[in-house]
Structure formats: C-alpha cells, structure tokens
Protein backbone atom coordinates (compact mmCIF):
# COMPACT_ATOMS: atom_id res chain seq x y z
CA UNK A 1 -6.54 -24.18 19.13
CA UNK A 2 -9.49 -24.21 16.72
CA UNK A 3 -9.77 -25.71 13.45
CA UNK A 4 -9.00 -22.74 11.38
CA UNK A 5 -5.86 -21.99 13.42
CA UNK A 6 -4.67 -25.57 12.98
CA UNK A 7 -5.22 -25.36 9.38
CA UNK A 8 -3.23 -22.27 9.00
CA UNK A 9 -0.20 -23.60 11.12
CA UNK A 10 -0.34 -26.90 9.18
CA UNK A 11 -0.22 -25.23 5.78
CA UNK A 12 2.37 -22.46 6.82
CA UNK A 13 4.56 -25.51 8.13
CA UNK A 14 4.23 -27.02 4.59
CA UNK A 15 5.13 -23.99 2.82
CA UNK A 16 8.11 -23.17 4.84
CA UNK A 17 9.46 -26.63 4.96
CA UNK A 18 9.59 -26.50 0.93
CA UNK A 19 12.16 -23.53 1.35
CA UNK A 20 14.13 -25.34 4.26
CA UNK A 21 12.59 -23.27 7.21
CA UNK A 22 11.35 -25.61 9.64
CA UNK A 23 8.43 -24.92 11.91
CA UNK A 24 7.99 -24.19 14.77
CA UNK A 25 10.71 -21.81 15.10
CA UNK A 26 12.08 -21.13 11.79
CA UNK A 27 15.50 -19.44 11.11
CA UNK A 28 14.06 -16.12 10.08
CA UNK A 29 17.05 -14.13 8.57
CA UNK A 30 18.76 -14.20 5.16
CA UNK A 31 22.37 -13.39 6.01
CA UNK A 32 25.39 -13.95 3.81
CA UNK A 33 23.30 -16.28 1.32
CA UNK A 34 22.24 -18.54 4.04
CA UNK A 35 19.12 -18.94 6.37
CA UNK A 36 20.17 -17.72 9.78
CA UNK A 37 18.53 -18.08 13.28
CA UNK A 38 18.25 -15.22 15.67
CA UNK A 39 20.05 -14.74 19.03
CA UNK A 40 17.52 -12.76 21.01
CA UNK A 41 14.20 -13.11 22.62
CA UNK A 42 11.41 -15.45 21.19
CA UNK A 43 8.67 -13.34 19.12
CA UNK A 44 5.30 -14.80 19.03
CA UNK A 45 3.08 -14.01 16.40
CA UNK A 46 -0.78 -14.28 16.14
CA UNK A 47 -2.95 -15.42 13.25
CA UNK A 48 -4.93 -12.32 12.41
CA UNK A 49 -8.06 -14.61 11.68
CA UNK A 50 -8.35 -16.31 14.92
CA UNK A 51 -6.01 -14.23 17.21
CA UNK A 52 -4.27 -17.64 18.18
CA UNK A 53 -0.44 -18.48 18.07
CA UNK A 54 0.58 -18.79 14.42
CA UNK A 55 4.43 -19.26 15.06
CA UNK A 56 7.47 -18.12 17.08
CA UNK A 57 10.92 -16.93 15.97
CA UNK A 58 13.92 -15.41 17.69
CA UNK A 59 14.89 -11.84 17.40
CA UNK A 60 17.89 -11.41 15.05
CA UNK A 61 19.71 -9.10 17.74
CA UNK A 62 22.86 -7.23 17.07
CA UNK A 63 25.38 -9.84 16.51
CA UNK A 64 23.33 -11.44 13.54
CA UNK A 65 22.90 -7.37 12.21
CA UNK A 66 26.52 -6.97 12.30
CA UNK A 67 27.47 -10.21 10.20
CA UNK A 68 24.69 -9.19 7.75
CA UNK A 69 26.31 -5.70 7.36
CA UNK A 70 29.62 -7.12 6.97
CA UNK A 71 28.66 -9.28 4.51
CA UNK A 72 26.84 -6.65 2.73
CA UNK A 73 29.99 -4.41 2.72
CA UNK A 74 31.88 -7.29 0.94
CA UNK A 75 29.09 -8.03 -1.46
CA UNK A 76 28.84 -4.43 -2.34
CA UNK A 77 32.62 -4.30 -3.57
CA UNK A 78 32.17 -7.41 -5.65
CA UNK A 79 28.77 -6.02 -7.06
CA UNK A 80 30.43 -2.88 -8.21
CA UNK A 81 33.40 -4.71 -9.76
CA UNK A 82 30.90 -5.91 -12.41
CA UNK A 83 30.18 -3.81 -15.25
CA UNK A 84 26.73 -2.03 -15.24
CA UNK A 85 25.39 -4.01 -17.95
CA UNK A 86 26.24 -7.25 -16.22
CA UNK A 87 24.44 -5.91 -13.11
CA UNK A 88 21.56 -5.31 -15.29
CA UNK A 89 21.37 -8.89 -16.62
CA UNK A 90 21.85 -10.27 -13.07
CA UNK A 91 19.03 -8.08 -11.81
CA UNK A 92 16.90 -9.50 -14.83
CA UNK A 93 17.77 -12.89 -13.86
CA UNK A 94 16.86 -12.17 -10.29
CA UNK A 95 13.35 -11.47 -11.35
CA UNK A 96 12.92 -14.85 -13.05
CA UNK A 97 13.62 -16.16 -9.44
CA UNK A 98 9.97 -15.58 -8.91
CA UNK A 99 8.79 -17.85 -11.51
CA UNK A 100 6.84 -20.90 -10.09
CA UNK A 101 6.73 -19.16 -6.56
CA UNK A 102 4.04 -16.78 -6.87
CA UNK A 103 1.28 -18.72 -5.47
CA UNK A 104 3.51 -19.78 -2.43
CA UNK A 105 4.63 -16.29 -1.89
CA UNK A 106 1.06 -15.03 -2.13
CA UNK A 107 -0.21 -17.62 0.22
CA UNK A 108 2.43 -17.03 2.95
CA UNK A 109 1.77 -13.31 2.54
CA UNK A 110 -1.92 -13.85 3.13
CA UNK A 111 -1.45 -16.16 6.05
CA UNK A 112 0.81 -14.04 7.95
CA UNK A 113 -0.46 -10.44 7.03
CA UNK A 114 -4.04 -11.38 6.91
CA UNK A 115 -4.63 -10.13 3.54
CA UNK A 116 -7.01 -11.61 0.82
CA UNK A 117 -4.70 -13.84 -1.29
CA UNK A 118 -6.28 -12.51 -4.62
CA UNK A 119 -4.43 -9.07 -3.69
CA UNK A 120 -1.23 -10.74 -2.54
CA UNK A 121 -0.98 -12.25 -5.92
CA UNK A 122 -0.81 -8.86 -7.42
CA UNK A 123 1.91 -7.63 -5.07
CA UNK A 124 4.00 -10.62 -6.16
CA UNK A 125 3.92 -9.33 -9.73
CA UNK A 126 4.62 -5.94 -8.62
CA UNK A 127 7.95 -7.01 -7.39
CA UNK A 128 8.91 -8.65 -10.29
CA UNK A 129 7.95 -5.48 -12.27
CA UNK A 130 10.24 -3.59 -10.16
CA UNK A 131 13.17 -5.80 -10.48
CA UNK A 132 12.69 -5.76 -14.34
CA UNK A 133 12.17 -1.89 -14.54
CA UNK A 134 15.27 -1.00 -12.45
CA UNK A 135 17.51 -3.76 -14.40
CA UNK A 136 17.17 -1.47 -17.17
CA UNK A 137 18.61 1.45 -15.49
CA UNK A 138 21.69 -0.32 -14.31
CA UNK A 139 23.73 0.83 -17.47
CA UNK A 140 21.98 4.22 -18.01
CA UNK A 141 23.01 6.15 -14.98
CA UNK A 142 25.27 8.67 -16.72
CA UNK A 143 27.28 11.57 -15.10
CA UNK A 144 27.71 15.10 -16.61
CA UNK A 145 30.51 17.28 -17.84
CA UNK A 146 30.47 20.93 -16.18
CA UNK A 147 31.58 23.74 -18.61
CA UNK A 148 33.58 25.27 -15.58
CA UNK A 149 35.35 28.51 -16.44
CA UNK A 150 38.97 27.43 -16.18
CA UNK A 151 41.38 24.94 -17.73
CA UNK A 152 39.87 21.98 -16.04
CA UNK A 153 37.77 19.14 -17.11
CA UNK A 154 35.22 18.68 -14.70
CA UNK A 155 32.83 15.64 -14.57
CA UNK A 156 30.45 14.49 -12.11
CA UNK A 157 29.83 11.01 -11.36
CA UNK A 158 26.62 9.26 -9.48
CA UNK A 159 27.99 6.66 -7.15
CA UNK A 160 26.32 4.28 -4.56
CA UNK A 161 26.29 4.72 -0.68
CA UNK A 162 27.61 1.17 -0.30
CA UNK A 163 25.42 -0.46 2.37
CA UNK A 164 21.96 0.83 2.98
CA UNK A 165 19.73 0.02 5.93
CA UNK A 166 16.05 -0.38 5.26
CA UNK A 167 13.09 -1.01 7.23
CA UNK A 168 9.72 -1.95 5.81
CA UNK A 169 6.02 -2.24 7.61
CA UNK A 170 3.74 -4.89 8.39
CA UNK A 171 0.80 -3.90 6.06
CA UNK A 172 2.60 -5.01 2.88
CA UNK A 173 5.87 -6.62 3.59
CA UNK A 174 6.58 -8.23 0.27
CA UNK A 175 5.57 -5.25 -1.82
CA UNK A 176 7.64 -2.78 0.17
CA UNK A 177 10.72 -5.18 0.31
CA UNK A 178 10.79 -5.44 -3.59
CA UNK A 179 10.05 -1.45 -3.82
CA UNK A 180 13.10 -0.77 -1.91
CA UNK A 181 15.53 -3.47 -2.79
CA UNK A 182 15.31 -2.95 -6.27
CA UNK A 183 16.65 0.53 -6.85
CA UNK A 184 19.15 0.26 -4.03
CA UNK A 185 20.76 -2.61 -6.09
CA UNK A 186 20.33 -0.92 -9.36
CA UNK A 187 22.28 2.04 -8.05
CA UNK A 188 25.23 -0.11 -7.00
CA UNK A 189 24.32 -0.59 -3.31
CA UNK A 190 23.87 -3.81 -0.96
CA UNK A 191 21.11 -3.75 1.25
CA UNK A 192 20.26 -5.00 4.75
CA UNK A 193 16.48 -4.78 5.39
CA UNK A 194 14.57 -5.48 8.55
CA UNK A 195 10.69 -5.96 7.90
CA UNK A 196 8.42 -5.46 10.61
CA UNK A 197 8.65 -7.95 13.28
CA UNK A 198 4.92 -8.89 12.83
CA UNK A 199 5.43 -9.93 9.00
CA UNK A 200 9.11 -11.49 8.87
CA UNK A 201 8.81 -14.51 6.47
CA UNK A 202 8.21 -13.29 2.94
CA UNK A 203 10.99 -10.97 2.79
CA UNK A 204 13.37 -13.68 3.64
CA UNK A 205 11.99 -15.97 0.92
CA UNK A 206 12.12 -13.16 -1.48
CA UNK A 207 15.86 -12.44 -0.80
CA UNK A 208 16.52 -16.18 -1.24
CA UNK A 209 14.85 -16.54 -4.45
CA UNK A 210 16.34 -13.26 -6.04
CA UNK A 211 20.01 -14.23 -4.94
CA UNK A 212 19.85 -17.76 -6.18
CA UNK A 213 18.37 -16.88 -9.57
CA UNK A 214 20.36 -13.79 -10.38
CA UNK A 215 23.60 -14.95 -9.21
CA UNK A 216 23.75 -12.01 -6.89
CA UNK A 217 27.15 -11.92 -4.69
CA UNK A 218 26.17 -13.65 -1.45
CA UNK A 219 25.31 -11.04 1.33
CA UNK A 220 24.12 -8.36 -1.28
CA UNK A 221 20.75 -8.73 0.32
CA UNK A 222 20.46 -9.28 4.16
CA UNK A 223 17.19 -9.70 5.78
CA UNK A 224 17.22 -9.40 9.49
CA UNK A 225 14.07 -9.84 11.75
CA UNK A 226 13.30 -8.44 15.06
CA UNK A 227 11.98 -5.89 17.07
CA UNK A 228 12.82 -2.29 16.59
CA UNK A 229 14.53 -1.54 19.73
CA UNK A 230 16.86 -4.36 19.36
CA UNK A 231 17.55 -5.36 15.72
CA UNK A 232 16.15 -2.10 14.08
CA UNK A 233 18.34 -0.09 16.44
CA UNK A 234 21.62 -2.13 15.75
CA UNK A 235 20.91 -1.70 11.91
CA UNK A 236 20.24 2.04 12.12
CA UNK A 237 23.33 2.86 14.50
CA UNK A 238 25.92 0.40 12.54
CA UNK A 239 28.85 2.47 11.57
CA UNK A 240 29.06 0.73 8.06
CA UNK A 241 25.40 1.54 7.29
CA UNK A 242 25.58 4.75 5.01
CA UNK A 243 22.08 5.67 4.32
CA UNK A 244 18.59 4.79 6.01
CA UNK A 245 15.39 4.23 4.46
CA UNK A 246 12.15 3.77 6.29
CA UNK A 247 8.67 3.00 5.56
CA UNK A 248 6.09 3.34 8.48
CA UNK A 249 4.60 5.65 11.03
CA UNK A 250 5.67 9.29 11.51
CA UNK A 251 6.51 8.63 15.34
CA UNK A 252 9.02 5.83 14.37
CA UNK A 253 10.22 7.76 11.33
CA UNK A 254 11.34 10.60 13.75
CA UNK A 255 13.45 8.05 15.59
CA UNK A 256 15.12 6.76 12.34
CA UNK A 257 15.88 10.34 11.32
CA UNK A 258 17.44 11.06 14.71
CA UNK A 259 19.59 8.20 14.57
CA UNK A 260 20.75 8.94 11.11
CA UNK A 261 21.31 12.66 12.12
CA UNK A 262 23.30 11.57 15.23
CA UNK A 263 25.75 9.72 12.79
CA UNK A 264 25.39 12.46 10.04
CA UNK A 265 23.85 9.78 7.79
CA UNK A 266 21.05 10.51 5.35
CA UNK A 267 17.61 9.20 5.53
CA UNK A 268 14.47 8.59 3.32
CA UNK A 269 10.95 8.59 5.13
CA UNK A 270 7.86 7.17 3.64
CA UNK A 271 5.55 7.72 6.37
CA UNK A 272 1.72 7.86 6.73
CA UNK A 273 -1.36 9.85 5.44
CA UNK A 274 -4.72 11.41 5.90
CA UNK A 275 -5.47 11.62 2.29
CA UNK A 276 -8.39 13.78 1.03
CA UNK A 277 -10.80 12.48 -1.60
CA UNK A 278 -12.46 15.44 -2.95
CA UNK A 279 -15.83 14.93 -5.14
CA UNK A 280 -17.53 18.03 -6.59
CA UNK A 281 -21.13 18.10 -7.53
CA UNK A 282 -20.33 17.80 -11.29
CA UNK A 283 -18.60 14.27 -10.80
CA UNK A 284 -19.55 11.30 -12.39
CA UNK A 285 -20.86 9.67 -9.35
CA UNK A 286 -21.13 6.05 -10.09
CA UNK A 287 -17.30 6.21 -10.72
CA UNK A 288 -16.71 8.37 -7.62
CA UNK A 289 -18.75 6.14 -5.26
CA UNK A 290 -16.72 3.09 -6.70
CA UNK A 291 -13.27 4.93 -6.24
CA UNK A 292 -14.29 6.39 -2.67
CA UNK A 293 -14.80 2.97 -1.64
CA UNK A 294 -11.77 1.25 -3.11
CA UNK A 295 -9.69 4.19 -1.75
CA UNK A 296 -10.46 3.17 1.76
CA UNK A 297 -11.57 -0.29 2.23
CA UNK A 298 -8.79 -2.03 -0.15
CA UNK A 299 -6.63 -3.66 2.28
CA UNK A 300 -8.73 -3.10 5.35
CA UNK A 301 -7.66 0.36 5.16
CA UNK A 302 -4.08 -0.68 6.09
CA UNK A 303 -2.45 1.75 3.32
CA UNK A 304 -0.61 4.87 3.76
CA UNK A 305 -2.45 6.41 0.66
CA UNK A 306 -6.11 5.34 1.91
CA UNK A 307 -8.39 7.98 1.11
CA UNK A 308 -9.53 8.02 4.49
CA UNK A 309 -11.07 11.68 4.48
CA UNK A 310 -14.05 11.92 2.09
CA UNK A 311 -14.80 15.76 1.29
CA UNK A 312 -18.29 16.07 -0.62
CA UNK A 313 -19.52 19.18 -2.09
CA UNK A 314 -22.66 19.92 0.10
CA UNK A 315 -25.30 19.56 -2.62
CA UNK A 316 -24.57 15.78 -3.40
CA UNK A 317 -23.71 14.65 0.00
CA UNK A 318 -26.98 12.90 1.21
CA UNK A 319 -27.22 10.86 -1.84
CA UNK A 320 -23.55 10.18 -2.15
CA UNK A 321 -23.21 8.87 1.30
CA UNK A 322 -26.35 6.81 1.04
CA UNK A 323 -24.96 5.25 -2.01
CA UNK A 324 -21.52 4.62 -0.52
CA UNK A 325 -22.94 2.99 2.60
CA UNK A 326 -24.91 0.46 0.61
CA UNK A 327 -21.92 -0.31 -1.24
CA UNK A 328 -19.81 -0.65 1.68
CA UNK A 329 -22.34 -3.04 3.44
CA UNK A 330 -22.09 -5.14 0.26
CA UNK A 331 -18.10 -5.61 0.53
CA UNK A 332 -17.41 -9.21 1.07
CA UNK A 333 -15.32 -9.58 4.55
CA UNK A 334 -14.13 -13.03 5.01
CA UNK A 335 -11.27 -15.38 5.45
CA UNK A 336 -8.18 -14.20 3.45
CA UNK A 337 -7.91 -17.68 1.84
CA UNK A 338 -11.38 -17.38 0.20
CA UNK A 339 -11.27 -16.19 -3.41
CA UNK A 340 -14.69 -14.31 -2.67
CA UNK A 341 -13.09 -12.06 0.25
CA UNK A 342 -12.70 -8.62 -0.81
CA UNK A 343 -11.54 -7.68 2.62
CA UNK A 344 -9.88 -9.19 5.54
CA UNK A 345 -8.92 -8.71 9.14
CA UNK A 346 -6.56 -5.88 10.28
CA UNK A 347 -3.27 -7.51 10.71
CA UNK A 348 -2.55 -7.27 14.70
CA UNK A 349 -4.45 -6.89 17.89
CA UNK A 350 -2.76 -3.43 18.62
CA UNK A 351 -3.90 -1.98 15.40
CA UNK A 352 -7.14 -3.43 15.84
CA UNK A 353 -7.64 -1.95 19.44
CA UNK A 354 -6.24 1.36 17.94
CA UNK A 355 -8.83 1.66 15.43
CA UNK A 356 -11.89 0.77 17.76
CA UNK A 357 -10.79 3.23 20.12
CA UNK A 358 -10.83 6.07 17.52
CA UNK A 359 -14.32 5.03 16.46
CA UNK A 360 -15.59 5.07 19.90
CA UNK A 361 -13.98 8.60 20.53
CA UNK A 362 -15.45 10.13 17.40
CA UNK A 363 -18.87 8.80 18.43
CA UNK A 364 -18.33 10.41 21.70
CA UNK A 365 -17.55 13.73 20.25
CA UNK A 366 -20.65 13.80 18.07
CA UNK A 367 -19.88 11.90 14.90
CA UNK A 368 -22.88 9.88 13.38
CA UNK A 369 -22.21 6.05 12.30
CA UNK A 370 -23.57 5.53 8.83
CA UNK A 371 -22.43 1.97 8.68
CA UNK A 372 -20.14 -0.83 10.26
CA UNK A 373 -18.26 0.00 13.42
CA UNK A 374 -18.21 -3.54 14.69
CA UNK A 375 -17.34 -6.84 13.77
CA UNK A 376 -18.86 -8.25 10.25
CA UNK A 377 -21.77 -10.73 10.32
CA UNK A 378 -21.30 -14.04 8.81
CA UNK A 379 -17.84 -15.01 9.80
CA UNK A 380 -17.02 -18.48 10.80
CA UNK A 381 -17.46 -19.16 14.64
CA UNK A 382 -13.57 -20.04 14.86
CA UNK A 383 -12.83 -16.50 13.51
CA UNK A 384 -14.96 -14.67 16.30
CA UNK A 385 -11.69 -13.43 18.02
CA UNK A 386 -10.01 -12.41 15.03
CA UNK A 387 -9.22 -8.90 13.95
CA UNK A 388 -12.32 -8.37 11.67
CA UNK A 389 -13.92 -4.89 11.51
CA UNK A 390 -16.81 -4.10 8.90
CA UNK A 391 -16.33 -1.25 6.49
CA UNK A 392 -16.99 1.91 8.61
CA UNK A 393 -18.24 5.14 7.61
CA UNK A 394 -18.63 8.29 9.80
CA UNK A 395 -20.50 11.40 9.05
CA UNK A 396 -20.91 14.76 10.75
CA UNK A 397 -17.04 14.70 11.50
CA UNK A 398 -15.39 18.04 11.89
CA UNK A 399 -11.66 19.01 11.25
CA UNK A 400 -11.13 19.15 15.13
CA UNK A 401 -12.02 15.71 15.82
CA UNK A 402 -8.98 13.18 16.33
CA UNK A 403 -10.46 10.92 13.68
CA UNK A 404 -10.07 13.66 11.10
CA UNK A 405 -6.68 14.60 12.09
CA UNK A 406 -4.85 11.11 12.86
CA UNK A 407 -4.18 8.25 10.61
CA UNK A 408 -6.54 5.55 11.64
CA UNK A 409 -4.68 2.74 9.33
CA UNK A 410 -7.99 0.63 9.32
CA UNK A 411 -11.29 0.56 7.19
CA UNK A 412 -12.80 3.68 8.68
CA UNK A 413 -13.92 6.64 6.38
CA UNK A 414 -14.89 10.07 7.62
CA UNK A 415 -17.10 12.28 5.80
CA UNK A 416 -16.94 16.11 5.64
CA UNK A 417 -18.61 18.56 3.13
CA UNK A 418 -17.48 21.72 1.52
CA UNK A 419 -19.51 24.69 -0.33
CA UNK A 420 -16.98 25.77 -2.92
CA UNK A 421 -13.37 25.04 -4.47
CA UNK A 422 -11.63 27.38 -1.86
CA UNK A 423 -13.17 25.63 1.32
CA UNK A 424 -12.38 22.10 -0.39
CA UNK A 425 -8.74 23.08 -0.78
CA UNK A 426 -8.69 24.60 2.83
CA UNK A 427 -10.16 21.21 4.27
CA UNK A 428 -7.84 18.90 2.12
CA UNK A 429 -4.74 20.80 3.32
CA UNK A 430 -5.91 21.09 6.92
CA UNK A 431 -3.54 18.10 8.00
CA UNK A 432 0.06 17.77 8.95
CA UNK A 433 0.10 15.08 6.59
CA UNK A 434 0.77 15.28 2.63
CA UNK A 435 1.15 11.93 0.89
CA UNK A 436 -1.78 11.54 -1.38
CA UNK A 437 -5.23 13.09 -2.51
CA UNK A 438 -7.71 12.82 -5.32
CA UNK A 439 -10.16 15.17 -7.18
CA UNK A 440 -13.55 13.98 -8.91
CA UNK A 441 -15.01 16.63 -11.36
CA UNK A 442 -16.04 16.57 -15.09
CA UNK A 443 -14.61 20.04 -15.29
CA UNK A 444 -11.06 19.41 -16.19
CA UNK A 445 -9.76 23.01 -15.59
CA UNK A 446 -11.36 22.86 -12.25
CA UNK A 447 -10.02 19.39 -11.33
CA UNK A 448 -6.60 20.52 -12.30
CA UNK A 449 -6.64 24.05 -10.52
CA UNK A 450 -7.57 22.05 -7.24
CA UNK A 451 -5.26 19.36 -7.85
CA UNK A 452 -2.14 21.78 -8.31
CA UNK A 453 -3.17 23.49 -4.90
CA UNK A 454 -3.15 20.35 -3.01
CA UNK A 455 -0.20 19.78 -0.59
CA UNK A 456 0.30 16.04 -1.51
CA UNK A 457 3.09 14.01 -3.23
CA UNK A 458 0.48 12.04 -5.46
CA UNK A 459 -2.62 13.37 -6.66
CA UNK A 460 -5.29 11.39 -8.71
CA UNK A 461 -7.85 13.10 -10.92
CA UNK A 462 -10.92 10.89 -11.55
CA UNK A 463 -9.30 7.93 -9.91
CA UNK A 464 -7.41 6.55 -6.88
CA UNK A 465 -4.56 4.38 -5.93
CA UNK A 466 -2.87 4.25 -9.38
CA UNK A 467 0.79 3.65 -8.44
CA UNK A 468 3.64 2.68 -10.98
CA UNK A 469 7.22 1.75 -10.63
CA UNK A 470 7.91 4.34 -13.23
CA UNK A 471 6.50 7.03 -11.10
CA UNK A 472 7.86 8.89 -8.09
CA UNK A 473 6.18 8.39 -4.86
CA UNK A 474 6.53 10.10 -1.58
CA UNK A 475 5.05 13.06 0.58
CA UNK A 476 5.52 16.22 2.40
CA UNK A 477 5.20 17.10 6.26
CA UNK A 478 4.44 14.42 8.60
CA UNK A 479 4.33 12.00 5.42
CA UNK A 480 8.04 12.26 5.07
CA UNK A 481 10.60 13.26 2.73
CA UNK A 482 12.65 11.74 -0.43
CA UNK A 483 11.04 9.56 -2.86
CA UNK A 484 10.51 5.85 -3.89
CA UNK A 485 10.17 4.50 -7.39
CA UNK A 486 10.80 6.18 -10.65
CA UNK A 487 13.96 7.73 -11.43
CA UNK A 488 13.70 9.90 -8.48
CA UNK A 489 13.69 6.69 -6.34
CA UNK A 490 17.00 5.48 -7.91
CA UNK A 491 18.49 8.90 -7.41
CA UNK A 492 17.84 8.52 -3.60
CA UNK A 493 20.16 5.60 -3.61
CA UNK A 494 23.25 7.55 -4.99
CA UNK A 495 25.15 10.55 -4.20
CA UNK A 496 27.46 12.71 -6.40
CA UNK A 497 31.26 13.05 -6.99
CA UNK A 498 32.76 15.78 -8.71
CA UNK A 499 36.26 15.11 -10.40
CA UNK A 500 38.41 18.10 -11.48
CA UNK A 501 41.41 17.29 -13.93
CA UNK A 502 43.89 19.87 -14.96
CA UNK A 503 44.56 19.91 -18.52
CA UNK A 504 46.63 23.15 -18.65
CA UNK A 505 50.49 22.37 -19.85
CA UNK A 506 51.57 24.77 -17.03
CA UNK A 507 49.01 24.81 -14.34
CA UNK A 508 49.03 27.91 -12.02
CA UNK A 509 50.10 27.03 -8.55
CA UNK A 510 47.77 29.65 -7.10
CA UNK A 511 44.71 28.69 -4.86
CA UNK A 512 41.68 28.28 -6.64
CA UNK A 513 41.12 28.12 -10.36
CA UNK A 514 44.09 27.59 -12.64
CA UNK A 515 45.19 30.02 -15.13
CA UNK A 516 42.40 30.34 -18.07
C-alpha cells in the first residue's frame, strides 16, 4: 500500500468515525433513522487516485430494503399528517443540518468520487439550495376547481405517490441525492434512495444530517447501498414503491423502466447525453474557447450534459482547435485534494478502460489526436496506476464513428465541422440522445433560430452548463423522460385526484351527469 493510499484511508477513517461509521467496514445504510449494516456480499471500493483498496462494505440486500420501505411507508403517513406549512418549516430546518459539515462532506465526496475538492464544496452548497427552494413550495401546491357542465363541484388535488424509489449515479452522488430528495419530500412523499455502489457514503451522511436537523420522521429518507442486481432490484420491484426515479445510463434506465412497467408503476429517467456545442464564425472566440473547455473537461468529462461534440463552422476550425488544444494542455490535472487541481481522475477502473477503448477505436477509424489521449505528466509516482487521463481532443471525426455516437463519459472532445446553419442543426440532432446543447454567435436571431431547432431538453446560448434548481432539467430520446428540478420536477412527484361533489338538492339517479 503506497503513501497516498494510506493517507486517504486514514483520513477517510477519521471522517467516518466522527459520524459513528466505523472503518474498515462501515454500516453503509440509513434505515428508520439509524445506521444499518448490509446483509449481502462484501463490496470493495478502489481509490480513484491509486487504484488500491479504499474500504469495504456489505451489500444491503433484500431484507434491508424491505425494512427501509416499510419504515418509509409509516413515515410518509406521519409526514402527511403535518400541515403543509409545517412540512416547509421542517425542510428549511433540514437544510441547516449541513451547517458546519460542508468541508467534511466535500472532502468525503472528493476522496470517494475522485473529484477536485473545490468542485465538491460547490455541490454541497447546491444541496442546501435545493432544500431551501423546495421548502418554499410545500404550502404552495394548489389544486384547481373545474367548471363542469353539471350541478357538481369538481375540484382537483395534487397528491403524493407515497414511497418513491430513487437510484443515483457515481459521478455526482451528493448532488444528485439532494436533487431528488428535496422535491420528493416537498411533494409529501417518503424516499428510499440507492446511490451507486461505487459511491455509497455521502448520501448516507446527508440523510442523517437532514433528518436530525429537520425533525423529519424517522424513515422518511432511507438510503440503501449495494449492487444493482441485488439491492437495486429489490427496490424497483418492491410492491410498496409507487414511483421510480433513475439517474444514470440508458442501458440501466431501460431495465428500471421495464421493472416499473411490469408493476404498472411510472418512472422518471434522467439518462446520458452526447451534447453538441455549436460555434459559428461570428462568435466571441475567447468566450467560446473557454466555454468549450469547461463544457467537456469539468468533472473529467463525467457529466451527463458534457459538451462532448464540438461543432465548428469551417472557416474558424483551424484557429479554434489550435487555441483549444493549448488551453487543454494548460489544465491542471492532479490530486483531488490539491486546491490547484482543476481535473482529477476518472472515478473507477471500468470507466477508465471504456474511455481508453473508445479513444483507441477512434484513432483506428481515422480520427486525429490533437492533444491528450494518455496519462498526464507530472503526477506523483504513487498515482501512476490511478485512473487519470489527460484532456483529450480528437479532430477528423465523422458522424459514423462510435466516438461521435456513444457517450464517452470522460475528458474526450470530438471536433466536427459544418458549413451553414442547416448542416449545423442536422449534425447536432444526428444522435439518439437529446439532453443538452449550446449555440455560440453574436447574431441573437441566428442563435435563437438554431437553439429552437435543437432536440435537447436544455439549450444554452453563448454559455454552457448553467443549471439552477428553479429551472426544469431533462431530455428526449435516449436521454430519458420526465423532468428534475423546478416546478416541473416537483410535479413529477405528485399525481392528480379529481373529487366530484353533488350540490343539487334532488340529484338525478341517472348514469353520468346529474340534472343541470
């Protein structure tokens, strides 16, 4: 075991001990207001920096999931017995549970996910923002009265599903946990959430802090950790889970949707992307170069909205790619706990191998490597086997190549060119994904014309990756369906109930409408 790995394990043990989670095998579930050990096989996690063992924990398994769902069912009834205003106050208090724990959460997220700690601090702040925002919605979810053509009073209520099952990914476990928990609770539900088995800890600690600070009913938030085929399957097939929400790959999303459809349970799927970043010759090039860099290399490209396809108007392509390659070479790739690091390693070995495979295949198909493609220079010797990849740019890519069609989920940018607006739109929409996209141009009319024709759930003009809890987020096609965040995200967690009240003194006994 090398020095970097020893330091990471020691620091991880110190942080977990502060929350009552003992190493080397922590109780990695939050069930009915208590830390709970799993009952299944041991899951071993590797340090993204060194590729060595970081810690082990046990798969939650079917029995733990069953306890979590039953506790959530009881807690949801208690939660809904409170007034809407009281639920809002408790959610506001829950948000204060993060106070004083921001640095610990950010450090844990950085250690396990391999993300720069500076980025993780921002994600902790986003979680607090989500709970504060949705707390304000608790007492503002009004129904409506329908002016039906009869003697009835007909009104519609928005009602919670009950217990919702949520599954979140390894690229942003803390952020996506808060992203889904907050609207679910605000709508009156309880939630049982399974993080990726690769990043189990921060979701557990978040649930613990939120419940304790907010006075939330024990069990209202359940966190169960384990493999998809065991713990995940137990959650998606449980008869008391009334809706499924999944953030992850299209392949797994199809399995989640099938599990829900088998039980006639609805689902929300927030899946992958192959987002196009269109730059016209009249763009402000300094801004566009900086935007293209941030769009793909932030979070080491492990983002569903990564701008992984750069579409350049032919006349500016040579100068733009040269400038972008220089900027990519200047990105500080290094250890996640170094405050100067701008890009850390990929999170796991399987993803690292997948990204390297796609690069090799693209080069074999005729793409040209402008920069990157291998491990970055200057890393500590102890990190030589970690999952680091230098920012990579490939030109000469054609739409038929796998790397232009498949989600890479790594720091790999493919460059293609277009002649005019129409070709730009066709290239941008020439994908089965439809999550995000961007347009760069000084001509506002042109930028909006193009933006309105992009088949994407989120489109930026002269910017990239601006996301806020107030605005809906989601996609089309293989990017999934349903929306997260904003009022639309809240509505995903309720369904409607129509109530008919006969007001006539002598109501008709006939079928259908009463006498008018």
